[in-house]
Amino acid sequence: MKIRIAVLAAAGALSILASPIAANAQVSVNINVPGLVMTAPPPPRYEPLPPPRGGFVWVPGRWAWDGRAYGWRPGGWQPERAGYAYAPGRWVEDRGGWRWTEGDWRRQEARREARREREWEDDHRHHDGGHRHGHDRDRDFCPPGQAKKGNC
């Protein structure tokens, strides 16, 4: 009987000592978000740009995640789309991990605006020899995109 009381007393003492330890335990929950990779991708590899190929656009290689590790996928040719420019895919940091954003085709509006600015500058250089003559009309005119840059 004395042994049974001693064992019960020891078990009670241990349970009292163990309860604060259990209260401080931490629980870690990993939520698997589809498409989100917790490991950063390696730096891009150098791929020599092949010579131009009519009617095609070069899409650079990339690191692809296979569920366990990154593997290199080499670049390749993609058929050109008239009026569009190819914007390559890229790895983007997202919610503490990394997500791949596929490349896509975008309208060439930005290229058109840059070309208009160059043509305007070339046109004015040829007409006045690169010197401004102080015409009011020229002073009040701002070429496309220059006002945003603070040049007008």
C-alpha atoms as a PDB file:
ATOM      1  CA  MET A   1       0.000   0.000   0.000  1.00  0.00           C
ATOM      2  CA  LYS A   2       2.847   2.362   0.871  1.00  0.00           C
ATOM      3  CA  ILE A   3       4.427   1.670  -2.535  1.00  0.00           C
ATOM      4  CA  ARG A   4       1.169   2.392  -4.343  1.00  0.00           C
ATOM      5  CA  ILE A   5       0.776   5.760  -2.547  1.00  0.00           C
ATOM      6  CA  ALA A   6       4.408   6.642  -3.302  1.00  0.00           C
ATOM      7  CA  VAL A   7       3.936   5.782  -7.005  1.00  0.00           C
ATOM      8  CA  LEU A   8       0.728   7.840  -7.192  1.00  0.00           C
ATOM      9  CA  ALA A   9       2.430  10.772  -5.438  1.00  0.00           C
ATOM     10  CA  ALA A  10       5.389  10.597  -7.840  1.00  0.00           C
ATOM     11  CA  ALA A  11       3.043  10.428 -10.868  1.00  0.00           C
ATOM     12  CA  GLY A  12       1.079  13.425  -9.554  1.00  0.00           C
ATOM     13  CA  ALA A  13       4.272  15.405  -8.992  1.00  0.00           C
ATOM     14  CA  LEU A  14       5.479  14.593 -12.500  1.00  0.00           C
ATOM     15  CA  SER A  15       2.155  15.611 -14.044  1.00  0.00           C
ATOM     16  CA  ILE A  16       2.266  18.935 -12.189  1.00  0.00           C
ATOM     17  CA  LEU A  17       5.825  19.558 -13.396  1.00  0.00           C
ATOM     18  CA  ALA A  18       5.013  18.493 -16.979  1.00  0.00           C
ATOM     19  CA  SER A  19       1.918  20.712 -17.362  1.00  0.00           C
ATOM     20  CA  PRO A  20       3.841  24.047 -17.776  1.00  0.00           C
ATOM     21  CA  ILE A  21       6.089  22.398 -20.373  1.00  0.00           C
ATOM     22  CA  ALA A  22       3.070  21.254 -22.384  1.00  0.00           C
ATOM     23  CA  ALA A  23       1.524  24.725 -22.137  1.00  0.00           C
ATOM     24  CA  ASN A  24       4.643  26.252 -23.773  1.00  0.00           C
ATOM     25  CA  ALA A  25       4.749  23.812 -26.673  1.00  0.00           C
ATOM     26  CA  GLN A  26       4.662  25.362 -30.142  1.00  0.00           C
ATOM     27  CA  VAL A  27       2.755  24.076 -33.096  1.00  0.00           C
ATOM     28  CA  SER A  28       4.049  24.671 -36.610  1.00  0.00           C
ATOM     29  CA  VAL A  29       1.596  24.495 -39.500  1.00  0.00           C
ATOM     30  CA  ASN A  30       2.763  24.578 -43.101  1.00  0.00           C
ATOM     31  CA  ILE A  31       0.030  25.499 -45.534  1.00  0.00           C
ATOM     32  CA  ASN A  32       0.871  24.380 -49.029  1.00  0.00           C
ATOM     33  CA  VAL A  33      -0.131  27.216 -51.381  1.00  0.00           C
ATOM     34  CA  PRO A  34      -0.258  25.914 -54.966  1.00  0.00           C
ATOM     35  CA  GLY A  35       2.472  27.423 -57.138  1.00  0.00           C
ATOM     36  CA  LEU A  36       4.354  28.910 -54.178  1.00  0.00           C
ATOM     37  CA  VAL A  37       7.919  27.621 -53.700  1.00  0.00           C
ATOM     38  CA  MET A  38       9.580  28.285 -50.349  1.00  0.00           C
ATOM     39  CA  THR A  39      13.132  27.968 -51.749  1.00  0.00           C
ATOM     40  CA  ALA A  40      14.540  30.888 -53.753  1.00  0.00           C
ATOM     41  CA  PRO A  41      15.515  30.067 -57.342  1.00  0.00           C
ATOM     42  CA  PRO A  42      19.212  30.040 -58.276  1.00  0.00           C
ATOM     43  CA  PRO A  43      20.554  32.960 -60.336  1.00  0.00           C
ATOM     44  CA  PRO A  44      19.764  32.685 -64.067  1.00  0.00           C
ATOM     45  CA  ARG A  45      22.266  30.814 -66.202  1.00  0.00           C
ATOM     46  CA  TYR A  46      24.046  32.529 -69.052  1.00  0.00           C
ATOM     47  CA  GLU A  47      22.719  31.368 -72.391  1.00  0.00           C
ATOM     48  CA  PRO A  48      24.362  32.754 -75.518  1.00  0.00           C
ATOM     49  CA  LEU A  49      21.743  34.467 -77.664  1.00  0.00           C
ATOM     50  CA  PRO A  50      21.439  32.575 -80.964  1.00  0.00           C
ATOM     51  CA  PRO A  51      21.450  34.488 -84.267  1.00  0.00           C
ATOM     52  CA  PRO A  52      18.078  36.056 -85.228  1.00  0.00           C
ATOM     53  CA  ARG A  53      15.571  33.796 -86.928  1.00  0.00           C
ATOM     54  CA  GLY A  54      12.897  35.374 -89.141  1.00  0.00           C
ATOM     55  CA  GLY A  55       9.358  35.145 -87.802  1.00  0.00           C
ATOM     56  CA  PHE A  56      10.443  33.885 -84.373  1.00  0.00           C
ATOM     57  CA  VAL A  57      11.302  35.348 -80.958  1.00  0.00           C
ATOM     58  CA  TRP A  58      13.887  33.828 -78.595  1.00  0.00           C
ATOM     59  CA  VAL A  59      12.449  32.903 -75.181  1.00  0.00           C
ATOM     60  CA  PRO A  60      15.295  32.630 -72.632  1.00  0.00           C
ATOM     61  CA  GLY A  61      15.800  29.548 -70.451  1.00  0.00           C
ATOM     62  CA  ARG A  62      14.639  29.410 -66.843  1.00  0.00           C
ATOM     63  CA  TRP A  63      14.799  27.510 -63.581  1.00  0.00           C
ATOM     64  CA  ALA A  64      11.729  25.293 -63.114  1.00  0.00           C
ATOM     65  CA  TRP A  65      10.597  23.786 -59.797  1.00  0.00           C
ATOM     66  CA  ASP A  66       9.702  20.064 -59.954  1.00  0.00           C
ATOM     67  CA  GLY A  67       8.348  19.761 -56.396  1.00  0.00           C
ATOM     68  CA  ARG A  68      11.727  18.920 -54.821  1.00  0.00           C
ATOM     69  CA  ALA A  69      14.423  20.916 -56.593  1.00  0.00           C
ATOM     70  CA  TYR A  70      15.075  23.411 -59.381  1.00  0.00           C
ATOM     71  CA  GLY A  71      16.032  22.158 -62.826  1.00  0.00           C
ATOM     72  CA  TRP A  72      17.241  24.234 -65.779  1.00  0.00           C
ATOM     73  CA  ARG A  73      15.009  24.420 -68.856  1.00  0.00           C
ATOM     74  CA  PRO A  74      16.872  25.793 -71.874  1.00  0.00           C
ATOM     75  CA  GLY A  75      15.473  28.622 -73.995  1.00  0.00           C
ATOM     76  CA  GLY A  76      13.792  28.154 -77.348  1.00  0.00           C
ATOM     77  CA  TRP A  77      12.114  29.838 -80.291  1.00  0.00           C
ATOM     78  CA  GLN A  78       8.485  30.940 -80.265  1.00  0.00           C
ATOM     79  CA  PRO A  79       6.525  32.166 -83.321  1.00  0.00           C
ATOM     80  CA  GLU A  80       6.364  35.965 -83.524  1.00  0.00           C
ATOM     81  CA  ARG A  81       3.044  37.839 -83.114  1.00  0.00           C
ATOM     82  CA  ALA A  82       2.567  40.960 -85.217  1.00  0.00           C
ATOM     83  CA  GLY A  83       2.168  44.123 -83.115  1.00  0.00           C
ATOM     84  CA  TYR A  84       3.295  42.420 -79.911  1.00  0.00           C
ATOM     85  CA  ALA A  85       6.540  42.088 -77.987  1.00  0.00           C
ATOM     86  CA  TYR A  86       7.358  39.058 -75.848  1.00  0.00           C
ATOM     87  CA  ALA A  87       7.852  39.771 -72.115  1.00  0.00           C
ATOM     88  CA  PRO A  88       9.827  36.847 -70.607  1.00  0.00           C
ATOM     89  CA  GLY A  89       8.588  35.030 -67.502  1.00  0.00           C
ATOM     90  CA  ARG A  90      10.239  35.604 -64.135  1.00  0.00           C
ATOM     91  CA  TRP A  91      10.334  34.426 -60.537  1.00  0.00           C
ATOM     92  CA  VAL A  92       8.517  36.851 -58.203  1.00  0.00           C
ATOM     93  CA  GLU A  93       8.725  36.968 -54.408  1.00  0.00           C
ATOM     94  CA  ASP A  94       5.264  36.328 -52.949  1.00  0.00           C
ATOM     95  CA  ARG A  95       4.014  35.700 -49.380  1.00  0.00           C
ATOM     96  CA  GLY A  96       7.387  34.562 -48.068  1.00  0.00           C
ATOM     97  CA  GLY A  97       8.060  32.275 -51.040  1.00  0.00           C
ATOM     98  CA  TRP A  98       8.570  32.437 -54.803  1.00  0.00           C
ATOM     99  CA  ARG A  99       6.054  32.161 -57.634  1.00  0.00           C
ATOM    100  CA  TRP A 100       6.744  31.746 -61.366  1.00  0.00           C
ATOM    101  CA  THR A 101       4.985  34.255 -63.631  1.00  0.00           C
ATOM    102  CA  GLU A 102       4.738  32.961 -67.203  1.00  0.00           C
ATOM    103  CA  GLY A 103       5.976  35.093 -70.067  1.00  0.00           C
ATOM    104  CA  ASP A 104       3.354  36.716 -72.248  1.00  0.00           C
ATOM    105  CA  TRP A 105       2.805  38.913 -75.273  1.00  0.00           C
ATOM    106  CA  ARG A 106       2.246  42.664 -74.781  1.00  0.00           C
ATOM    107  CA  ARG A 107       1.237  45.329 -77.256  1.00  0.00           C
ATOM    108  CA  GLN A 108       4.161  47.396 -78.480  1.00  0.00           C
ATOM    109  CA  GLU A 109       2.735  50.756 -77.278  1.00  0.00           C
ATOM    110  CA  ALA A 110       5.855  51.600 -75.251  1.00  0.00           C
ATOM    111  CA  ARG A 111       8.083  50.934 -78.249  1.00  0.00           C
ATOM    112  CA  ARG A 112       5.918  53.155 -80.435  1.00  0.00           C
ATOM    113  CA  GLU A 113       6.140  56.041 -77.954  1.00  0.00           C
ATOM    114  CA  ALA A 114       9.938  55.731 -77.720  1.00  0.00           C
ATOM    115  CA  ARG A 115      10.173  55.704 -81.515  1.00  0.00           C
ATOM    116  CA  ARG A 116       7.953  58.845 -81.724  1.00  0.00           C
ATOM    117  CA  GLU A 117      10.228  60.630 -79.232  1.00  0.00           C
ATOM    118  CA  ARG A 118      13.356  59.713 -81.242  1.00  0.00           C
ATOM    119  CA  GLU A 119      11.742  60.830 -84.500  1.00  0.00           C
ATOM    120  CA  TRP A 120      10.659  64.124 -82.930  1.00  0.00           C
ATOM    121  CA  GLU A 121      14.162  64.787 -81.590  1.00  0.00           C
ATOM    122  CA  ASP A 122      15.763  63.833 -84.928  1.00  0.00           C
ATOM    123  CA  ASP A 123      13.275  66.016 -86.791  1.00  0.00           C
ATOM    124  CA  HIS A 124      14.068  69.056 -84.650  1.00  0.00           C
ATOM    125  CA  ARG A 125      17.823  68.513 -84.854  1.00  0.00           C
ATOM    126  CA  HIS A 126      17.659  68.467 -88.658  1.00  0.00           C
ATOM    127  CA  HIS A 127      15.418  71.538 -88.949  1.00  0.00           C
ATOM    128  CA  ASP A 128      17.331  73.898 -86.697  1.00  0.00           C
ATOM    129  CA  GLY A 129      20.823  72.391 -86.787  1.00  0.00           C
ATOM    130  CA  GLY A 130      20.612  71.272 -83.170  1.00  0.00           C
ATOM    131  CA  HIS A 131      20.097  74.877 -81.911  1.00  0.00           C
ATOM    132  CA  ARG A 132      16.915  76.286 -80.441  1.00  0.00           C
ATOM    133  CA  HIS A 133      15.826  79.602 -81.965  1.00  0.00           C
ATOM    134  CA  GLY A 134      13.356  80.560 -79.263  1.00  0.00           C
ATOM    135  CA  HIS A 135      10.096  80.101 -81.192  1.00  0.00           C
ATOM    136  CA  ASP A 136       7.158  80.275 -78.791  1.00  0.00           C
ATOM    137  CA  ARG A 137       5.485  77.327 -80.513  1.00  0.00           C
ATOM    138  CA  ASP A 138       8.576  75.149 -79.899  1.00  0.00           C
ATOM    139  CA  ARG A 139       8.855  76.249 -76.280  1.00  0.00           C
ATOM    140  CA  ASP A 140       5.214  75.337 -75.506  1.00  0.00           C
ATOM    141  CA  PHE A 141       5.342  71.946 -77.207  1.00  0.00           C
ATOM    142  CA  CYS A 142       6.418  68.918 -75.188  1.00  0.00           C
ATOM    143  CA  PRO A 143       7.203  65.659 -77.023  1.00  0.00           C
ATOM    144  CA  PRO A 144       5.357  62.496 -75.943  1.00  0.00           C
ATOM    145  CA  GLY A 145       6.534  61.086 -72.618  1.00  0.00           C
ATOM    146  CA  GLN A 146       8.897  63.985 -71.799  1.00  0.00           C
ATOM    147  CA  ALA A 147       6.579  65.796 -69.350  1.00  0.00           C
ATOM    148  CA  LYS A 148       6.531  62.744 -67.057  1.00  0.00           C
ATOM    149  CA  LYS A 149      10.329  62.725 -67.055  1.00  0.00           C
ATOM    150  CA  GLY A 150      10.457  66.400 -66.065  1.00  0.00           C
ATOM    151  CA  ASN A 151      12.064  67.549 -69.336  1.00  0.00           C
ATOM    152  CA  CYS A 152       9.336  70.124 -70.171  1.00  0.00           C
END
